[in-house]
Amino acid sequence: MAFKEGQPASDEVKEAAQSQLVGQLLTKKFKSGKTGYYAQGKIQLGADRFQSQVQLVKIEKKED
């Protein structure tokens, strides 16, 4: 697998993340008080394994 820093992930990487990690998303209330989702785990790409993390934090309007 060719790796160049700063380049978009290949379709193979996106599909692996989608099928092996995103399905594991759990709700979370972060220390900041914001809410969202997170998942972490290992992703298999051919013979290579990668540790991966996904974090989605809800963007809320700032109060004046």
PDB file of N, CA and C in Angstrom:
ATOM      1  N   MET A   1       0.845  -1.176   0.000  1.00  0.00           N
ATOM      2  CA  MET A   1       0.000   0.000   0.000  1.00  0.00           C
ATOM      3  C   MET A   1       0.893   1.243   0.000  1.00  0.00           C
ATOM      4  N   ALA A   2       0.699   2.125  -0.960  1.00  0.00           N
ATOM      5  CA  ALA A   2       1.472   3.361  -1.051  1.00  0.00           C
ATOM      6  C   ALA A   2       0.940   4.367  -0.038  1.00  0.00           C
ATOM      7  N   PHE A   3       1.849   5.067   0.642  1.00  0.00           N
ATOM      8  CA  PHE A   3       1.452   6.038   1.646  1.00  0.00           C
ATOM      9  C   PHE A   3       2.191   7.344   1.391  1.00  0.00           C
ATOM     10  N   LYS A   4       1.421   8.402   1.180  1.00  0.00           N
ATOM     11  CA  LYS A   4       1.993   9.734   1.023  1.00  0.00           C
ATOM     12  C   LYS A   4       1.259  10.643   1.993  1.00  0.00           C
ATOM     13  N   GLU A   5       2.004  11.277   2.879  1.00  0.00           N
ATOM     14  CA  GLU A   5       1.398  12.125   3.905  1.00  0.00           C
ATOM     15  C   GLU A   5       0.592  13.262   3.284  1.00  0.00           C
ATOM     16  N   GLY A   6      -0.586  13.502   3.858  1.00  0.00           N
ATOM     17  CA  GLY A   6      -1.429  14.604   3.421  1.00  0.00           C
ATOM     18  C   GLY A   6      -2.350  14.283   2.260  1.00  0.00           C
ATOM     19  N   GLN A   7      -2.268  13.061   1.739  1.00  0.00           N
ATOM     20  CA  GLN A   7      -3.114  12.659   0.616  1.00  0.00           C
ATOM     21  C   GLN A   7      -4.415  12.037   1.140  1.00  0.00           C
ATOM     22  N   PRO A   8      -5.521  12.166   0.414  1.00  0.00           N
ATOM     23  CA  PRO A   8      -6.766  11.525   0.830  1.00  0.00           C
ATOM     24  C   PRO A   8      -6.605  10.007   0.900  1.00  0.00           C
ATOM     25  N   ALA A   9      -7.346   9.387   1.809  1.00  0.00           N
ATOM     26  CA  ALA A   9      -7.315   7.927   1.937  1.00  0.00           C
ATOM     27  C   ALA A   9      -7.906   7.285   0.690  1.00  0.00           C
ATOM     28  N   SER A  10      -7.407   6.105   0.357  1.00  0.00           N
ATOM     29  CA  SER A  10      -7.921   5.376  -0.802  1.00  0.00           C
ATOM     30  C   SER A  10      -9.315   4.825  -0.495  1.00  0.00           C
ATOM     31  N   ASP A  11     -10.021   4.414  -1.531  1.00  0.00           N
ATOM     32  CA  ASP A  11     -11.336   3.803  -1.345  1.00  0.00           C
ATOM     33  C   ASP A  11     -11.230   2.550  -0.479  1.00  0.00           C
ATOM     34  N   GLU A  12     -10.137   1.794  -0.628  1.00  0.00           N
ATOM     35  CA  GLU A  12      -9.927   0.577   0.179  1.00  0.00           C
ATOM     36  C   GLU A  12      -9.871   0.924   1.665  1.00  0.00           C
ATOM     37  N   VAL A  13      -9.160   1.984   2.005  1.00  0.00           N
ATOM     38  CA  VAL A  13      -9.040   2.409   3.407  1.00  0.00           C
ATOM     39  C   VAL A  13     -10.392   2.892   3.922  1.00  0.00           C
ATOM     40  N   LYS A  14     -11.094   3.688   3.136  1.00  0.00           N
ATOM     41  CA  LYS A  14     -12.408   4.195   3.547  1.00  0.00           C
ATOM     42  C   LYS A  14     -13.397   3.059   3.781  1.00  0.00           C
ATOM     43  N   GLU A  15     -13.402   2.076   2.880  1.00  0.00           N
ATOM     44  CA  GLU A  15     -14.316   0.943   3.013  1.00  0.00           C
ATOM     45  C   GLU A  15     -13.992   0.111   4.249  1.00  0.00           C
ATOM     46  N   ALA A  16     -12.704  -0.087   4.540  1.00  0.00           N
ATOM     47  CA  ALA A  16     -12.299  -0.851   5.723  1.00  0.00           C
ATOM     48  C   ALA A  16     -12.719  -0.122   6.993  1.00  0.00           C
ATOM     49  N   ALA A  17     -12.503   1.191   7.035  1.00  0.00           N
ATOM     50  CA  ALA A  17     -12.908   1.972   8.209  1.00  0.00           C
ATOM     51  C   ALA A  17     -14.419   1.922   8.388  1.00  0.00           C
ATOM     52  N   GLN A  18     -15.147   2.036   7.300  1.00  0.00           N
ATOM     53  CA  GLN A  18     -16.608   1.999   7.360  1.00  0.00           C
ATOM     54  C   GLN A  18     -17.100   0.659   7.881  1.00  0.00           C
ATOM     55  N   SER A  19     -16.595  -0.420   7.331  1.00  0.00           N
ATOM     56  CA  SER A  19     -17.117  -1.743   7.678  1.00  0.00           C
ATOM     57  C   SER A  19     -16.588  -2.274   9.000  1.00  0.00           C
ATOM     58  N   GLN A  20     -15.360  -1.895   9.383  1.00  0.00           N
ATOM     59  CA  GLN A  20     -14.746  -2.485  10.565  1.00  0.00           C
ATOM     60  C   GLN A  20     -14.799  -1.590  11.797  1.00  0.00           C
ATOM     61  N   LEU A  21     -15.096  -0.303  11.647  1.00  0.00           N
ATOM     62  CA  LEU A  21     -15.040   0.589  12.805  1.00  0.00           C
ATOM     63  C   LEU A  21     -16.292   1.424  12.987  1.00  0.00           C
ATOM     64  N   VAL A  22     -16.767   2.049  11.942  1.00  0.00           N
ATOM     65  CA  VAL A  22     -17.885   2.980  12.064  1.00  0.00           C
ATOM     66  C   VAL A  22     -19.127   2.291  12.619  1.00  0.00           C
ATOM     67  N   GLY A  23     -19.307   1.007  12.321  1.00  0.00           N
ATOM     68  CA  GLY A  23     -20.436   0.266  12.860  1.00  0.00           C
ATOM     69  C   GLY A  23     -20.381   0.099  14.366  1.00  0.00           C
ATOM     70  N   GLN A  24     -19.256   0.437  14.983  1.00  0.00           N
ATOM     71  CA  GLN A  24     -19.074   0.306  16.422  1.00  0.00           C
ATOM     72  C   GLN A  24     -19.249   1.632  17.165  1.00  0.00           C
ATOM     73  N   LEU A  25     -19.704   2.675  16.480  1.00  0.00           N
ATOM     74  CA  LEU A  25     -19.849   3.981  17.120  1.00  0.00           C
ATOM     75  C   LEU A  25     -20.766   3.914  18.329  1.00  0.00           C
ATOM     76  N   LEU A  26     -20.330   4.527  19.423  1.00  0.00           N
ATOM     77  CA  LEU A  26     -21.097   4.599  20.658  1.00  0.00           C
ATOM     78  C   LEU A  26     -21.348   6.058  21.008  1.00  0.00           C
ATOM     79  N   THR A  27     -22.462   6.343  21.678  1.00  0.00           N
ATOM     80  CA  THR A  27     -22.711   7.711  22.124  1.00  0.00           C
ATOM     81  C   THR A  27     -21.740   8.045  23.252  1.00  0.00           C
ATOM     82  N   LYS A  28     -21.421   9.321  23.385  1.00  0.00           N
ATOM     83  CA  LYS A  28     -20.467   9.735  24.420  1.00  0.00           C
ATOM     84  C   LYS A  28     -20.750  11.168  24.843  1.00  0.00           C
ATOM     85  N   LYS A  29     -20.616  11.417  26.136  1.00  0.00           N
ATOM     86  CA  LYS A  29     -20.606  12.781  26.655  1.00  0.00           C
ATOM     87  C   LYS A  29     -19.159  13.061  27.037  1.00  0.00           C
ATOM     88  N   PHE A  30     -18.541  13.990  26.322  1.00  0.00           N
ATOM     89  CA  PHE A  30     -17.127  14.292  26.508  1.00  0.00           C
ATOM     90  C   PHE A  30     -16.910  15.147  27.760  1.00  0.00           C
ATOM     91  N   LYS A  31     -15.666  15.202  28.235  1.00  0.00           N
ATOM     92  CA  LYS A  31     -15.329  15.978  29.434  1.00  0.00           C
ATOM     93  C   LYS A  31     -15.732  17.441  29.306  1.00  0.00           C
ATOM     94  N   SER A  32     -15.775  17.932  28.087  1.00  0.00           N
ATOM     95  CA  SER A  32     -16.149  19.325  27.836  1.00  0.00           C
ATOM     96  C   SER A  32     -17.642  19.564  28.058  1.00  0.00           C
ATOM     97  N   GLY A  33     -18.410  18.452  28.186  1.00  0.00           N
ATOM     98  CA  GLY A  33     -19.859  18.557  28.316  1.00  0.00           C
ATOM     99  C   GLY A  33     -20.578  18.391  26.984  1.00  0.00           C
ATOM    100  N   LYS A  34     -19.827  18.430  25.885  1.00  0.00           N
ATOM    101  CA  LYS A  34     -20.433  18.243  24.562  1.00  0.00           C
ATOM    102  C   LYS A  34     -20.771  16.767  24.362  1.00  0.00           C
ATOM    103  N   THR A  35     -21.691  16.522  23.453  1.00  0.00           N
ATOM    104  CA  THR A  35     -22.097  15.144  23.171  1.00  0.00           C
ATOM    105  C   THR A  35     -21.710  14.750  21.759  1.00  0.00           C
ATOM    106  N   GLY A  36     -21.668  13.440  21.523  1.00  0.00           N
ATOM    107  CA  GLY A  36     -21.329  12.958  20.198  1.00  0.00           C
ATOM    108  C   GLY A  36     -21.172  11.458  20.181  1.00  0.00           C
ATOM    109  N   TYR A  37     -20.241  10.985  19.348  1.00  0.00           N
ATOM    110  CA  TYR A  37     -20.009   9.555  19.147  1.00  0.00           C
ATOM    111  C   TYR A  37     -18.518   9.296  19.075  1.00  0.00           C
ATOM    112  N   TYR A  38     -18.119   8.063  19.425  1.00  0.00           N
ATOM    113  CA  TYR A  38     -16.714   7.687  19.284  1.00  0.00           C
ATOM    114  C   TYR A  38     -16.609   6.185  19.052  1.00  0.00           C
ATOM    115  N   ALA A  39     -15.508   5.772  18.494  1.00  0.00           N
ATOM    116  CA  ALA A  39     -15.171   4.356  18.340  1.00  0.00           C
ATOM    117  C   ALA A  39     -13.665   4.260  18.192  1.00  0.00           C
ATOM    118  N   GLN A  40     -13.117   3.155  18.632  1.00  0.00           N
ATOM    119  CA  GLN A  40     -11.699   2.890  18.396  1.00  0.00           C
ATOM    120  C   GLN A  40     -11.518   1.395  18.240  1.00  0.00           C
ATOM    121  N   GLY A  41     -10.508   1.030  17.492  1.00  0.00           N
ATOM    122  CA  GLY A  41     -10.259  -0.381  17.262  1.00  0.00           C
ATOM    123  C   GLY A  41      -9.164  -0.579  16.244  1.00  0.00           C
ATOM    124  N   LYS A  42      -9.031  -1.795  15.811  1.00  0.00           N
ATOM    125  CA  LYS A  42      -8.013  -2.144  14.832  1.00  0.00           C
ATOM    126  C   LYS A  42      -8.694  -2.448  13.499  1.00  0.00           C
ATOM    127  N   ILE A  43      -8.058  -2.034  12.417  1.00  0.00           N
ATOM    128  CA  ILE A  43      -8.573  -2.238  11.070  1.00  0.00           C
ATOM    129  C   ILE A  43      -7.561  -3.081  10.295  1.00  0.00           C
ATOM    130  N   GLN A  44      -8.052  -4.098   9.614  1.00  0.00           N
ATOM    131  CA  GLN A  44      -7.210  -4.962   8.788  1.00  0.00           C
ATOM    132  C   GLN A  44      -7.291  -4.488   7.343  1.00  0.00           C
ATOM    133  N   LEU A  45      -6.133  -4.201   6.746  1.00  0.00           N
ATOM    134  CA  LEU A  45      -6.028  -3.839   5.328  1.00  0.00           C
ATOM    135  C   LEU A  45      -5.019  -4.779   4.688  1.00  0.00           C
ATOM    136  N   GLY A  46      -5.513  -5.809   4.036  1.00  0.00           N
ATOM    137  CA  GLY A  46      -4.602  -6.816   3.481  1.00  0.00           C
ATOM    138  C   GLY A  46      -3.844  -7.464   4.621  1.00  0.00           C
ATOM    139  N   ALA A  47      -2.519  -7.462   4.546  1.00  0.00           N
ATOM    140  CA  ALA A  47      -1.688  -8.052   5.595  1.00  0.00           C
ATOM    141  C   ALA A  47      -1.375  -7.068   6.716  1.00  0.00           C
ATOM    142  N   ASP A  48      -1.754  -5.810   6.549  1.00  0.00           N
ATOM    143  CA  ASP A  48      -1.429  -4.773   7.527  1.00  0.00           C
ATOM    144  C   ASP A  48      -2.576  -4.514   8.490  1.00  0.00           C
ATOM    145  N   ARG A  49      -2.237  -4.215   9.748  1.00  0.00           N
ATOM    146  CA  ARG A  49      -3.239  -3.833  10.755  1.00  0.00           C
ATOM    147  C   ARG A  49      -2.943  -2.414  11.211  1.00  0.00           C
ATOM    148  N   PHE A  50      -4.006  -1.657  11.434  1.00  0.00           N
ATOM    149  CA  PHE A  50      -3.886  -0.272  11.858  1.00  0.00           C
ATOM    150  C   PHE A  50      -4.779  -0.039  13.065  1.00  0.00           C
ATOM    151  N   GLN A  51      -4.299   0.788  13.977  1.00  0.00           N
ATOM    152  CA  GLN A  51      -5.153   1.238  15.072  1.00  0.00           C
ATOM    153  C   GLN A  51      -5.892   2.467  14.562  1.00  0.00           C
ATOM    154  N   SER A  52      -7.194   2.542  14.875  1.00  0.00           N
ATOM    155  CA  SER A  52      -8.002   3.626  14.346  1.00  0.00           C
ATOM    156  C   SER A  52      -8.923   4.198  15.405  1.00  0.00           C
ATOM    157  N   GLN A  53      -9.247   5.468  15.259  1.00  0.00           N
ATOM    158  CA  GLN A  53     -10.177   6.145  16.153  1.00  0.00           C
ATOM    159  C   GLN A  53     -11.078   7.051  15.330  1.00  0.00           C
ATOM    160  N   VAL A  54     -12.337   7.107  15.734  1.00  0.00           N
ATOM    161  CA  VAL A  54     -13.301   8.009  15.103  1.00  0.00           C
ATOM    162  C   VAL A  54     -13.963   8.790  16.221  1.00  0.00           C
ATOM    163  N   GLN A  55     -14.087  10.089  16.042  1.00  0.00           N
ATOM    164  CA  GLN A  55     -14.743  10.934  17.037  1.00  0.00           C
ATOM    165  C   GLN A  55     -15.615  11.951  16.323  1.00  0.00           C
ATOM    166  N   LEU A  56     -16.874  12.018  16.710  1.00  0.00           N
ATOM    167  CA  LEU A  56     -17.809  12.998  16.163  1.00  0.00           C
ATOM    168  C   LEU A  56     -18.329  13.807  17.341  1.00  0.00           C
ATOM    169  N   VAL A  57     -18.114  15.110  17.317  1.00  0.00           N
ATOM    170  CA  VAL A  57     -18.564  15.973  18.405  1.00  0.00           C
ATOM    171  C   VAL A  57     -19.576  16.963  17.844  1.00  0.00           C
ATOM    172  N   LYS A  58     -20.737  17.035  18.493  1.00  0.00           N
ATOM    173  CA  LYS A  58     -21.792  17.945  18.046  1.00  0.00           C
ATOM    174  C   LYS A  58     -21.319  19.389  18.193  1.00  0.00           C
ATOM    175  N   ILE A  59     -21.492  20.159  17.142  1.00  0.00           N
ATOM    176  CA  ILE A  59     -21.134  21.581  17.156  1.00  0.00           C
ATOM    177  C   ILE A  59     -22.356  22.352  17.602  1.00  0.00           C
ATOM    178  N   GLU A  60     -22.196  23.090  18.687  1.00  0.00           N
ATOM    179  CA  GLU A  60     -23.316  23.838  19.231  1.00  0.00           C
ATOM    180  C   GLU A  60     -23.046  25.325  19.097  1.00  0.00           C
ATOM    181  N   LYS A  61     -24.114  26.070  18.923  1.00  0.00           N
ATOM    182  CA  LYS A  61     -24.031  27.511  18.802  1.00  0.00           C
ATOM    183  C   LYS A  61     -23.564  28.102  20.135  1.00  0.00           C
ATOM    184  N   LYS A  62     -22.597  28.988  20.085  1.00  0.00           N
ATOM    185  CA  LYS A  62     -22.119  29.633  21.300  1.00  0.00           C
ATOM    186  C   LYS A  62     -23.185  30.587  21.829  1.00  0.00           C
ATOM    187  N   GLU A  63     -23.349  30.550  23.135  1.00  0.00           N
ATOM    188  CA  GLU A  63     -24.295  31.478  23.766  1.00  0.00           C
ATOM    189  C   GLU A  63     -23.554  32.769  24.110  1.00  0.00           C
ATOM    190  N   ASP A  64     -24.207  33.883  23.883  1.00  0.00           N
ATOM    191  CA  ASP A  64     -23.578  35.196  24.185  1.00  0.00           C
ATOM    192  C   ASP A  64     -23.654  35.496  25.657  1.00  0.00           C
TER     193      ASP A  64
END
